[in-house]
Each structure stands twice: as structure tokens, then as C-alpha cells.
N, C-alpha and C. Protein backbone atom coordinates (compact mmCIF):
# COMPACT_ATOMS: atom_id res chain seq x y z
N MET A 1 -6.14 -20.53 17.41
CA MET A 1 -5.30 -20.64 16.23
C MET A 1 -5.12 -19.26 15.59
N LEU A 2 -3.90 -18.92 15.27
CA LEU A 2 -3.58 -17.64 14.67
C LEU A 2 -4.05 -17.61 13.21
N LYS A 3 -4.77 -16.55 12.86
CA LYS A 3 -5.22 -16.41 11.48
C LYS A 3 -4.08 -15.90 10.61
N MET A 4 -4.07 -16.33 9.38
CA MET A 4 -3.06 -15.93 8.40
C MET A 4 -3.17 -14.43 8.12
N SER A 5 -2.06 -13.83 7.76
CA SER A 5 -2.01 -12.43 7.37
C SER A 5 -1.60 -12.33 5.90
N PHE A 6 -1.98 -11.21 5.30
CA PHE A 6 -1.75 -10.99 3.87
C PHE A 6 -1.18 -9.60 3.66
N ILE A 7 -0.30 -9.49 2.67
CA ILE A 7 0.27 -8.19 2.29
C ILE A 7 -0.11 -7.93 0.85
N ILE A 8 -0.75 -6.78 0.63
CA ILE A 8 -1.08 -6.34 -0.73
C ILE A 8 -0.12 -5.21 -1.06
N SER A 9 0.61 -5.37 -2.16
CA SER A 9 1.56 -4.35 -2.57
C SER A 9 1.36 -4.05 -4.05
N GLY A 10 2.00 -2.99 -4.48
CA GLY A 10 1.91 -2.57 -5.87
C GLY A 10 2.10 -1.07 -5.92
N PRO A 11 2.19 -0.52 -7.11
CA PRO A 11 2.42 0.92 -7.24
C PRO A 11 1.18 1.73 -6.83
N PRO A 12 1.32 3.03 -6.69
CA PRO A 12 0.19 3.88 -6.32
C PRO A 12 -0.96 3.77 -7.32
N ALA A 13 -2.18 3.83 -6.77
CA ALA A 13 -3.43 3.86 -7.56
C ALA A 13 -3.67 2.59 -8.36
N VAL A 14 -3.18 1.45 -7.87
CA VAL A 14 -3.38 0.18 -8.58
C VAL A 14 -4.57 -0.60 -8.01
N GLY A 15 -5.05 -0.19 -6.83
CA GLY A 15 -6.20 -0.88 -6.24
C GLY A 15 -5.91 -1.63 -4.95
N LYS A 16 -4.79 -1.34 -4.30
CA LYS A 16 -4.40 -2.06 -3.08
C LYS A 16 -5.46 -1.95 -1.99
N THR A 17 -5.89 -0.74 -1.69
CA THR A 17 -6.87 -0.53 -0.62
C THR A 17 -8.21 -1.16 -0.98
N THR A 18 -8.62 -1.03 -2.21
CA THR A 18 -9.88 -1.62 -2.66
C THR A 18 -9.87 -3.13 -2.45
N VAL A 19 -8.80 -3.79 -2.86
CA VAL A 19 -8.69 -5.24 -2.71
C VAL A 19 -8.59 -5.61 -1.23
N ALA A 20 -7.79 -4.87 -0.47
CA ALA A 20 -7.63 -5.17 0.96
C ALA A 20 -8.97 -5.08 1.69
N GLU A 21 -9.73 -4.04 1.42
CA GLU A 21 -11.03 -3.87 2.09
C GLU A 21 -12.01 -4.97 1.68
N ALA A 22 -12.00 -5.37 0.43
CA ALA A 22 -12.88 -6.45 -0.03
C ALA A 22 -12.52 -7.77 0.64
N LEU A 23 -11.22 -8.06 0.74
CA LEU A 23 -10.78 -9.30 1.40
C LEU A 23 -11.16 -9.29 2.88
N ALA A 24 -10.95 -8.17 3.51
CA ALA A 24 -11.27 -8.06 4.94
C ALA A 24 -12.74 -8.31 5.19
N GLU A 25 -13.57 -7.72 4.36
CA GLU A 25 -15.02 -7.90 4.52
C GLU A 25 -15.42 -9.35 4.26
N ARG A 26 -14.88 -9.92 3.24
CA ARG A 26 -15.25 -11.27 2.85
C ARG A 26 -14.78 -12.33 3.85
N PHE A 27 -13.58 -12.14 4.42
CA PHE A 27 -12.99 -13.18 5.25
C PHE A 27 -12.87 -12.81 6.73
N GLY A 28 -13.45 -11.69 7.13
CA GLY A 28 -13.42 -11.30 8.53
C GLY A 28 -12.03 -10.93 9.03
N LEU A 29 -11.27 -10.26 8.18
CA LEU A 29 -9.92 -9.83 8.53
C LEU A 29 -9.91 -8.34 8.83
N ARG A 30 -8.88 -7.89 9.49
CA ARG A 30 -8.68 -6.46 9.70
C ARG A 30 -7.90 -5.90 8.52
N VAL A 31 -8.00 -4.58 8.30
CA VAL A 31 -7.20 -3.90 7.29
C VAL A 31 -6.32 -2.89 8.01
N TYR A 32 -5.06 -2.88 7.65
CA TYR A 32 -4.14 -1.90 8.23
C TYR A 32 -3.15 -1.54 7.13
N GLY A 33 -3.05 -0.26 6.84
CA GLY A 33 -2.18 0.16 5.75
C GLY A 33 -1.02 1.02 6.20
N GLY A 34 -0.07 1.15 5.31
CA GLY A 34 1.07 2.01 5.58
C GLY A 34 0.63 3.43 5.90
N GLY A 35 -0.41 3.90 5.22
CA GLY A 35 -0.94 5.23 5.51
C GLY A 35 -1.51 5.34 6.91
N ASP A 36 -2.16 4.26 7.38
CA ASP A 36 -2.69 4.24 8.75
C ASP A 36 -1.54 4.36 9.76
N ALA A 37 -0.50 3.57 9.54
CA ALA A 37 0.64 3.58 10.44
C ALA A 37 1.35 4.93 10.40
N LEU A 38 1.45 5.51 9.20
CA LEU A 38 2.10 6.81 9.06
C LEU A 38 1.31 7.89 9.81
N LYS A 39 -0.01 7.81 9.76
CA LYS A 39 -0.84 8.77 10.51
C LYS A 39 -0.67 8.57 12.01
N GLU A 40 -0.56 7.32 12.46
CA GLU A 40 -0.31 7.07 13.88
C GLU A 40 1.03 7.68 14.30
N LEU A 41 2.01 7.54 13.45
CA LEU A 41 3.33 8.11 13.72
C LEU A 41 3.24 9.63 13.77
N ALA A 42 2.50 10.21 12.84
CA ALA A 42 2.31 11.67 12.83
C ALA A 42 1.65 12.13 14.14
N ALA A 43 0.64 11.40 14.61
CA ALA A 43 -0.03 11.74 15.86
C ALA A 43 0.94 11.67 17.04
N LYS A 44 1.82 10.65 17.04
CA LYS A 44 2.83 10.54 18.11
C LYS A 44 3.77 11.73 18.10
N ARG A 45 3.94 12.35 16.93
CA ARG A 45 4.84 13.48 16.80
C ARG A 45 4.10 14.82 16.95
N GLY A 46 2.85 14.77 17.43
CA GLY A 46 2.12 15.99 17.73
C GLY A 46 1.22 16.54 16.65
N TYR A 47 1.10 15.83 15.54
CA TYR A 47 0.20 16.26 14.47
C TYR A 47 -1.21 15.75 14.76
N THR A 48 -2.19 16.29 14.03
CA THR A 48 -3.57 15.83 14.18
C THR A 48 -4.09 15.35 12.82
N PRO A 49 -3.68 14.15 12.41
CA PRO A 49 -4.09 13.63 11.10
C PRO A 49 -5.55 13.19 11.08
N LYS A 50 -6.39 13.96 10.42
CA LYS A 50 -7.82 13.65 10.33
C LYS A 50 -8.24 13.61 8.87
N GLY A 51 -8.95 12.56 8.50
CA GLY A 51 -9.51 12.46 7.16
C GLY A 51 -8.54 11.96 6.11
N ARG A 52 -9.11 11.51 5.00
CA ARG A 52 -8.30 10.95 3.91
C ARG A 52 -7.44 12.01 3.23
N ASP A 53 -7.92 13.26 3.23
CA ASP A 53 -7.21 14.33 2.52
C ASP A 53 -6.19 15.05 3.39
N TRP A 54 -5.95 14.55 4.61
CA TRP A 54 -5.04 15.23 5.53
C TRP A 54 -3.67 15.44 4.91
N TRP A 55 -3.21 14.49 4.11
CA TRP A 55 -1.88 14.60 3.51
C TRP A 55 -1.74 15.85 2.66
N ASP A 56 -2.86 16.35 2.12
CA ASP A 56 -2.84 17.51 1.24
C ASP A 56 -2.93 18.83 1.99
N THR A 57 -3.11 18.78 3.32
CA THR A 57 -3.18 20.01 4.12
C THR A 57 -1.75 20.51 4.40
N ALA A 58 -1.66 21.75 4.87
CA ALA A 58 -0.35 22.31 5.21
C ALA A 58 0.34 21.45 6.27
N GLN A 59 -0.43 21.01 7.27
CA GLN A 59 0.13 20.17 8.33
C GLN A 59 0.61 18.83 7.78
N GLY A 60 -0.21 18.22 6.94
CA GLY A 60 0.16 16.93 6.34
C GLY A 60 1.41 17.04 5.49
N MET A 61 1.50 18.10 4.72
CA MET A 61 2.68 18.29 3.87
C MET A 61 3.93 18.55 4.71
N ARG A 62 3.76 19.26 5.83
CA ARG A 62 4.89 19.50 6.73
C ARG A 62 5.40 18.17 7.30
N PHE A 63 4.46 17.32 7.70
CA PHE A 63 4.86 16.01 8.22
C PHE A 63 5.56 15.19 7.14
N LEU A 64 5.03 15.20 5.92
CA LEU A 64 5.65 14.44 4.84
C LEU A 64 7.05 14.96 4.53
N ALA A 65 7.27 16.26 4.68
CA ALA A 65 8.61 16.81 4.47
C ALA A 65 9.56 16.31 5.56
N GLU A 66 9.07 16.25 6.81
CA GLU A 66 9.87 15.68 7.90
C GLU A 66 10.23 14.23 7.60
N ARG A 67 9.21 13.50 7.14
CA ARG A 67 9.41 12.08 6.81
C ARG A 67 10.48 11.92 5.73
N ALA A 68 10.41 12.75 4.71
CA ALA A 68 11.37 12.65 3.60
C ALA A 68 12.80 12.90 4.07
N ALA A 69 12.94 13.71 5.11
CA ALA A 69 14.27 14.04 5.62
C ALA A 69 14.79 12.99 6.61
N ASN A 70 13.93 12.08 7.05
CA ASN A 70 14.34 11.13 8.08
C ASN A 70 13.86 9.72 7.75
N PRO A 71 14.72 8.86 7.22
CA PRO A 71 14.32 7.50 6.84
C PRO A 71 13.87 6.65 8.03
N GLU A 72 14.16 7.09 9.24
CA GLU A 72 13.72 6.34 10.42
C GLU A 72 12.20 6.32 10.53
N TYR A 73 11.53 7.33 9.98
CA TYR A 73 10.07 7.34 9.99
C TYR A 73 9.52 6.10 9.28
N ASP A 74 10.05 5.83 8.09
CA ASP A 74 9.56 4.69 7.32
C ASP A 74 9.93 3.37 7.98
N LYS A 75 11.09 3.32 8.59
CA LYS A 75 11.47 2.10 9.31
C LYS A 75 10.54 1.86 10.49
N GLU A 76 10.14 2.93 11.17
CA GLU A 76 9.20 2.79 12.29
C GLU A 76 7.83 2.33 11.79
N VAL A 77 7.38 2.89 10.70
CA VAL A 77 6.11 2.46 10.09
C VAL A 77 6.17 0.98 9.75
N ASP A 78 7.26 0.54 9.15
CA ASP A 78 7.38 -0.87 8.79
C ASP A 78 7.37 -1.77 10.02
N LYS A 79 7.96 -1.33 11.12
CA LYS A 79 7.90 -2.10 12.37
C LYS A 79 6.47 -2.22 12.86
N MET A 80 5.70 -1.14 12.72
CA MET A 80 4.29 -1.16 13.13
C MET A 80 3.50 -2.14 12.26
N LEU A 81 3.77 -2.14 10.96
CA LEU A 81 3.08 -3.04 10.05
C LEU A 81 3.44 -4.50 10.33
N ILE A 82 4.70 -4.75 10.60
CA ILE A 82 5.15 -6.11 10.92
C ILE A 82 4.47 -6.60 12.20
N ALA A 83 4.32 -5.72 13.19
CA ALA A 83 3.64 -6.10 14.43
C ALA A 83 2.20 -6.52 14.15
N GLU A 84 1.55 -5.86 13.22
CA GLU A 84 0.18 -6.25 12.84
C GLU A 84 0.17 -7.61 12.16
N LEU A 85 1.14 -7.84 11.28
CA LEU A 85 1.23 -9.15 10.62
C LEU A 85 1.42 -10.26 11.66
N GLU A 86 2.24 -9.99 12.66
CA GLU A 86 2.49 -10.98 13.71
C GLU A 86 1.24 -11.29 14.52
N ARG A 87 0.36 -10.30 14.69
CA ARG A 87 -0.90 -10.52 15.41
C ARG A 87 -1.82 -11.46 14.62
N GLY A 88 -1.70 -11.42 13.30
CA GLY A 88 -2.50 -12.30 12.43
C GLY A 88 -3.86 -11.73 12.12
N GLY A 89 -4.50 -12.35 11.14
CA GLY A 89 -5.85 -11.96 10.75
C GLY A 89 -5.96 -10.57 10.18
N VAL A 90 -4.97 -10.18 9.40
CA VAL A 90 -4.95 -8.81 8.87
C VAL A 90 -4.55 -8.82 7.40
N VAL A 91 -5.07 -7.83 6.67
CA VAL A 91 -4.60 -7.54 5.33
C VAL A 91 -3.88 -6.20 5.43
N VAL A 92 -2.58 -6.22 5.16
CA VAL A 92 -1.76 -5.02 5.24
C VAL A 92 -1.47 -4.54 3.83
N THR A 93 -1.62 -3.23 3.61
CA THR A 93 -1.17 -2.65 2.35
C THR A 93 0.16 -1.97 2.63
N SER A 94 1.14 -2.27 1.80
CA SER A 94 2.48 -1.72 2.02
C SER A 94 3.28 -1.76 0.74
N TYR A 95 4.12 -0.76 0.58
CA TYR A 95 5.05 -0.77 -0.54
C TYR A 95 6.25 -1.66 -0.24
N SER A 96 6.81 -1.58 0.95
CA SER A 96 8.11 -2.19 1.23
C SER A 96 8.08 -3.55 1.90
N LEU A 97 7.04 -3.86 2.68
CA LEU A 97 7.04 -5.07 3.50
C LEU A 97 7.34 -6.37 2.76
N PRO A 98 6.84 -6.58 1.57
CA PRO A 98 7.10 -7.88 0.93
C PRO A 98 8.58 -8.21 0.81
N TRP A 99 9.42 -7.20 0.73
CA TRP A 99 10.86 -7.43 0.57
C TRP A 99 11.60 -7.52 1.91
N ILE A 100 10.97 -7.08 3.00
CA ILE A 100 11.71 -7.01 4.26
C ILE A 100 11.21 -7.97 5.34
N THR A 101 10.17 -8.73 5.05
CA THR A 101 9.69 -9.71 6.02
C THR A 101 9.29 -11.00 5.31
N ASP A 102 9.38 -12.09 6.05
CA ASP A 102 8.92 -13.38 5.54
C ASP A 102 7.49 -13.67 5.98
N LEU A 103 6.90 -12.76 6.74
CA LEU A 103 5.54 -12.97 7.24
C LEU A 103 4.50 -12.74 6.16
N GLY A 104 3.39 -13.46 6.27
CA GLY A 104 2.24 -13.21 5.42
C GLY A 104 2.34 -13.76 4.01
N VAL A 105 1.17 -13.85 3.39
CA VAL A 105 1.06 -14.21 1.98
C VAL A 105 1.13 -12.90 1.21
N LYS A 106 1.98 -12.85 0.19
CA LYS A 106 2.30 -11.60 -0.50
C LYS A 106 1.67 -11.55 -1.89
N ILE A 107 0.94 -10.46 -2.12
CA ILE A 107 0.21 -10.29 -3.38
C ILE A 107 0.63 -8.97 -4.02
N TRP A 108 1.02 -9.03 -5.27
CA TRP A 108 1.42 -7.84 -6.03
C TRP A 108 0.34 -7.53 -7.05
N LEU A 109 -0.14 -6.28 -7.04
CA LEU A 109 -1.07 -5.81 -8.05
C LEU A 109 -0.28 -4.95 -9.02
N ARG A 110 -0.31 -5.35 -10.28
CA ARG A 110 0.45 -4.67 -11.32
C ARG A 110 -0.50 -3.83 -12.16
N GLY A 111 -0.04 -2.68 -12.61
CA GLY A 111 -0.87 -1.83 -13.47
C GLY A 111 -0.02 -0.79 -14.18
N SER A 112 -0.42 -0.46 -15.39
CA SER A 112 0.32 0.52 -16.18
C SER A 112 0.11 1.92 -15.61
N LEU A 113 1.02 2.78 -15.94
CA LEU A 113 0.95 4.18 -15.54
C LEU A 113 -0.37 4.81 -16.00
N GLU A 114 -0.75 4.54 -17.24
CA GLU A 114 -1.95 5.14 -17.81
C GLU A 114 -3.22 4.67 -17.10
N LYS A 115 -3.33 3.39 -16.86
CA LYS A 115 -4.54 2.86 -16.19
C LYS A 115 -4.61 3.35 -14.75
N ARG A 116 -3.48 3.42 -14.08
CA ARG A 116 -3.47 3.90 -12.70
C ARG A 116 -3.87 5.37 -12.65
N ALA A 117 -3.41 6.15 -13.61
CA ALA A 117 -3.81 7.56 -13.67
C ALA A 117 -5.32 7.67 -13.90
N LYS A 118 -5.87 6.81 -14.76
CA LYS A 118 -7.32 6.83 -14.99
C LYS A 118 -8.09 6.48 -13.72
N ARG A 119 -7.57 5.52 -12.94
CA ARG A 119 -8.22 5.19 -11.67
C ARG A 119 -8.20 6.38 -10.73
N MET A 120 -7.07 7.09 -10.71
CA MET A 120 -6.95 8.25 -9.85
C MET A 120 -7.92 9.36 -10.26
N VAL A 121 -8.14 9.51 -11.57
CA VAL A 121 -9.10 10.49 -12.07
C VAL A 121 -10.49 10.19 -11.50
N GLU A 122 -10.88 8.93 -11.57
CA GLU A 122 -12.20 8.52 -11.06
C GLU A 122 -12.28 8.66 -9.55
N ARG A 123 -11.24 8.23 -8.87
CA ARG A 123 -11.23 8.23 -7.40
C ARG A 123 -11.15 9.63 -6.82
N ASP A 124 -10.25 10.46 -7.36
CA ASP A 124 -9.96 11.76 -6.77
C ASP A 124 -10.61 12.93 -7.50
N LYS A 125 -11.29 12.64 -8.60
CA LYS A 125 -11.98 13.69 -9.38
C LYS A 125 -11.03 14.81 -9.80
N ILE A 126 -9.92 14.40 -10.40
CA ILE A 126 -8.94 15.35 -10.92
C ILE A 126 -8.74 15.09 -12.41
N SER A 127 -8.03 15.97 -13.09
CA SER A 127 -7.81 15.79 -14.52
C SER A 127 -6.82 14.64 -14.76
N TYR A 128 -6.89 14.09 -15.95
CA TYR A 128 -5.99 12.99 -16.32
C TYR A 128 -4.53 13.46 -16.26
N GLU A 129 -4.27 14.67 -16.78
CA GLU A 129 -2.91 15.18 -16.80
C GLU A 129 -2.36 15.32 -15.38
N GLU A 130 -3.20 15.83 -14.46
CA GLU A 130 -2.78 15.97 -13.07
C GLU A 130 -2.52 14.60 -12.44
N ALA A 131 -3.42 13.66 -12.71
CA ALA A 131 -3.26 12.30 -12.17
C ALA A 131 -1.99 11.65 -12.69
N LEU A 132 -1.73 11.78 -13.97
CA LEU A 132 -0.53 11.20 -14.57
C LEU A 132 0.74 11.78 -13.94
N THR A 133 0.74 13.08 -13.72
CA THR A 133 1.88 13.74 -13.08
C THR A 133 2.08 13.21 -11.66
N ILE A 134 1.00 13.07 -10.91
CA ILE A 134 1.07 12.58 -9.53
C ILE A 134 1.58 11.14 -9.49
N VAL A 135 1.04 10.29 -10.36
CA VAL A 135 1.44 8.88 -10.36
C VAL A 135 2.92 8.75 -10.72
N LYS A 136 3.37 9.48 -11.73
CA LYS A 136 4.78 9.44 -12.11
C LYS A 136 5.67 9.89 -10.95
N LYS A 137 5.28 10.98 -10.29
CA LYS A 137 6.06 11.51 -9.18
C LYS A 137 6.11 10.51 -8.02
N ARG A 138 4.96 9.93 -7.67
CA ARG A 138 4.93 8.97 -6.57
C ARG A 138 5.72 7.71 -6.90
N ASP A 139 5.66 7.26 -8.15
CA ASP A 139 6.46 6.10 -8.57
C ASP A 139 7.94 6.37 -8.36
N GLU A 140 8.40 7.53 -8.81
CA GLU A 140 9.81 7.87 -8.67
C GLU A 140 10.20 8.03 -7.20
N GLU A 141 9.36 8.69 -6.42
CA GLU A 141 9.65 8.87 -4.99
C GLU A 141 9.75 7.52 -4.29
N ASN A 142 8.82 6.60 -4.58
CA ASN A 142 8.87 5.27 -3.97
C ASN A 142 10.14 4.52 -4.36
N ARG A 143 10.46 4.54 -5.65
CA ARG A 143 11.69 3.86 -6.09
C ARG A 143 12.91 4.40 -5.35
N ASN A 144 13.02 5.72 -5.29
CA ASN A 144 14.18 6.34 -4.64
C ASN A 144 14.19 6.08 -3.13
N LEU A 145 13.05 6.20 -2.48
CA LEU A 145 12.97 6.03 -1.03
C LEU A 145 13.36 4.63 -0.60
N TYR A 146 12.77 3.61 -1.22
CA TYR A 146 13.01 2.25 -0.77
C TYR A 146 14.38 1.72 -1.22
N LEU A 147 14.92 2.29 -2.28
CA LEU A 147 16.29 1.96 -2.66
C LEU A 147 17.25 2.53 -1.60
N LYS A 148 16.99 3.76 -1.19
CA LYS A 148 17.83 4.43 -0.19
C LYS A 148 17.75 3.73 1.18
N ILE A 149 16.54 3.41 1.62
CA ILE A 149 16.36 2.85 2.96
C ILE A 149 16.77 1.39 3.04
N TYR A 150 16.29 0.58 2.08
CA TYR A 150 16.47 -0.88 2.18
C TYR A 150 17.27 -1.50 1.04
N GLY A 151 17.61 -0.72 0.02
CA GLY A 151 18.28 -1.31 -1.13
C GLY A 151 17.31 -2.08 -2.02
N ILE A 152 16.01 -1.81 -1.87
CA ILE A 152 14.96 -2.49 -2.64
C ILE A 152 14.78 -1.78 -3.98
N LYS A 153 14.71 -2.56 -5.03
CA LYS A 153 14.35 -2.01 -6.34
C LYS A 153 12.85 -2.22 -6.49
N PHE A 154 12.09 -1.29 -5.92
CA PHE A 154 10.64 -1.40 -5.83
C PHE A 154 10.01 -1.68 -7.20
N GLY A 155 9.23 -2.76 -7.24
CA GLY A 155 8.51 -3.11 -8.45
C GLY A 155 9.31 -3.87 -9.48
N GLU A 156 10.59 -4.10 -9.23
CA GLU A 156 11.41 -4.81 -10.21
C GLU A 156 11.52 -6.30 -9.90
N ASP A 157 12.02 -6.65 -8.72
CA ASP A 157 12.15 -8.06 -8.34
C ASP A 157 10.86 -8.51 -7.68
N LEU A 158 10.04 -9.23 -8.43
CA LEU A 158 8.74 -9.68 -7.91
C LEU A 158 8.79 -11.12 -7.43
N SER A 159 9.99 -11.67 -7.31
CA SER A 159 10.12 -13.07 -6.90
C SER A 159 9.65 -13.32 -5.47
N VAL A 160 9.49 -12.29 -4.66
CA VAL A 160 9.04 -12.45 -3.27
C VAL A 160 7.52 -12.66 -3.18
N PHE A 161 6.80 -12.50 -4.28
CA PHE A 161 5.34 -12.55 -4.25
C PHE A 161 4.78 -13.94 -4.52
N ASP A 162 3.69 -14.24 -3.82
CA ASP A 162 2.99 -15.51 -3.99
C ASP A 162 1.96 -15.44 -5.11
N LEU A 163 1.47 -14.24 -5.40
CA LEU A 163 0.49 -14.03 -6.47
C LEU A 163 0.72 -12.66 -7.08
N ILE A 164 0.68 -12.60 -8.42
CA ILE A 164 0.80 -11.34 -9.15
C ILE A 164 -0.41 -11.23 -10.07
N VAL A 165 -1.11 -10.08 -9.98
CA VAL A 165 -2.31 -9.88 -10.79
C VAL A 165 -2.16 -8.59 -11.59
N ASN A 166 -2.37 -8.69 -12.91
CA ASN A 166 -2.34 -7.53 -13.78
C ASN A 166 -3.72 -6.89 -13.76
N THR A 167 -3.83 -5.74 -13.11
CA THR A 167 -5.12 -5.07 -12.95
C THR A 167 -5.57 -4.32 -14.20
N ASP A 168 -4.68 -4.13 -15.16
CA ASP A 168 -5.03 -3.39 -16.37
C ASP A 168 -6.12 -4.07 -17.19
N ILE A 169 -6.10 -5.38 -17.21
CA ILE A 169 -6.98 -6.11 -18.12
C ILE A 169 -8.23 -6.66 -17.44
N LEU A 170 -8.41 -6.30 -16.17
CA LEU A 170 -9.53 -6.85 -15.41
C LEU A 170 -10.36 -5.74 -14.76
N SER A 171 -11.62 -6.03 -14.55
CA SER A 171 -12.46 -5.09 -13.80
C SER A 171 -12.09 -5.17 -12.33
N ARG A 172 -12.53 -4.19 -11.57
CA ARG A 172 -12.32 -4.20 -10.12
C ARG A 172 -12.83 -5.49 -9.52
N ASP A 173 -14.04 -5.88 -9.88
CA ASP A 173 -14.65 -7.09 -9.33
C ASP A 173 -13.86 -8.35 -9.70
N ALA A 174 -13.34 -8.38 -10.92
CA ALA A 174 -12.56 -9.54 -11.35
C ALA A 174 -11.26 -9.65 -10.56
N VAL A 175 -10.61 -8.51 -10.32
CA VAL A 175 -9.37 -8.52 -9.52
C VAL A 175 -9.68 -9.04 -8.12
N VAL A 176 -10.74 -8.53 -7.51
CA VAL A 176 -11.13 -8.96 -6.17
C VAL A 176 -11.41 -10.46 -6.16
N GLU A 177 -12.12 -10.96 -7.16
CA GLU A 177 -12.46 -12.39 -7.21
C GLU A 177 -11.22 -13.27 -7.34
N ILE A 178 -10.29 -12.85 -8.20
CA ILE A 178 -9.06 -13.63 -8.38
C ILE A 178 -8.28 -13.69 -7.06
N VAL A 179 -8.10 -12.53 -6.44
CA VAL A 179 -7.34 -12.50 -5.19
C VAL A 179 -8.09 -13.25 -4.09
N ALA A 180 -9.40 -13.08 -4.02
CA ALA A 180 -10.19 -13.77 -2.99
C ALA A 180 -10.14 -15.28 -3.16
N THR A 181 -10.18 -15.75 -4.39
CA THR A 181 -10.07 -17.19 -4.65
C THR A 181 -8.73 -17.72 -4.16
N PHE A 182 -7.68 -16.96 -4.39
CA PHE A 182 -6.36 -17.34 -3.92
C PHE A 182 -6.29 -17.33 -2.39
N VAL A 183 -6.79 -16.26 -1.78
CA VAL A 183 -6.73 -16.09 -0.32
C VAL A 183 -7.56 -17.14 0.40
N LYS A 184 -8.64 -17.56 -0.22
CA LYS A 184 -9.57 -18.52 0.41
C LYS A 184 -8.87 -19.79 0.88
N GLN A 185 -7.85 -20.20 0.18
CA GLN A 185 -7.13 -21.44 0.57
C GLN A 185 -6.36 -21.27 1.87
N PHE A 186 -6.16 -20.02 2.32
CA PHE A 186 -5.38 -19.77 3.53
C PHE A 186 -6.22 -19.43 4.75
N VAL A 187 -7.50 -19.11 4.55
CA VAL A 187 -8.34 -18.70 5.69
C VAL A 187 -9.37 -19.75 6.06
């Protein structure tokens, strides 16, 4: 029997990876994220993506500039993510998938700009001002990218989601528990 798949989406620094990893551990699922697929794509194109901070290296930034110039990169990443959903038994983190596929149970994590910047401060050990600038920039880039590629108004039409959780008012553990309680009915 094919195991159900799940998509965790939401803006940057809202807790997608944290929730995905907790669900995977709790329910024996795999985790596969857009960043994982993007690194695989970079490797296919001759790059050597190593480590979480690779994106911040000269090589990582060069690849991201290539990606920005070619929307086919993101479409290829989405095809890779969809293939994982079809295999089943996976928690995928993705910005765009909830709007472009009917596969999987879709969960949106919502969070304010300020709270997400605070999470980034704790996670990345950077200043609040720097985190706020990064989150604002990534929000705008995501909105523009997915509008251009798919006509998606990222973060606006949430009708495609099966569960929406406001992470601002909950602890990390509470968010995980709420999502896990919901997911439990499918696994």
C-alpha cells in the first residue's frame, strides 16, 4: 500500500523544515525539500553543492544567478518534487507545489515578517536587522518568481491547503503537535 505524502509550504523562516523533519521522524516518512532538489539540479549542472551554507558561497550564488535567469530550473525542481510525492511516504517542503499539483495533503505555515526574522536570528546567528532584510527580500523574490513562472500569487490564495497553522502564536513544539495530530489521520 502506498503511503500518503505531505507538502509543507509557507514563507521563508516559518518552520517548514523543522515541522517536516519532526513529522518524518514521528511517522517514518522521508523528507525531501525544494532546496534538496535544487542542489541535485546544481550537481547535474557541474556544481558541487556541499553543506547547508553552500548557497552563500561564490559557487552557490553563481548557480542561483543562473537559476534566476532561467525559469526552467524551477520547473525541473518541481518535477523532481512531484516525482517524490508520487513515490509516497514523503514530507516535501515547497513554495510552489501546493498550487501546481493535486498530490499530497497540503499544509500552510503562516507567520509574520517580524516573527520569521526572529527565528532567522536564532537559527542563523545574525542580527535582527539583517534577518528582516533577508526575509523581506526572499518574500518579494518568491512572489515575483512564482507569479512569473506559474501565475501563482504566493501566500495569497490559501484555498488549496488542507490545514493552515499560525506559527506566530505557538511554540515550535505546539506547531509540531498540531500538524502531527492532523497528519496522524492519514498515516
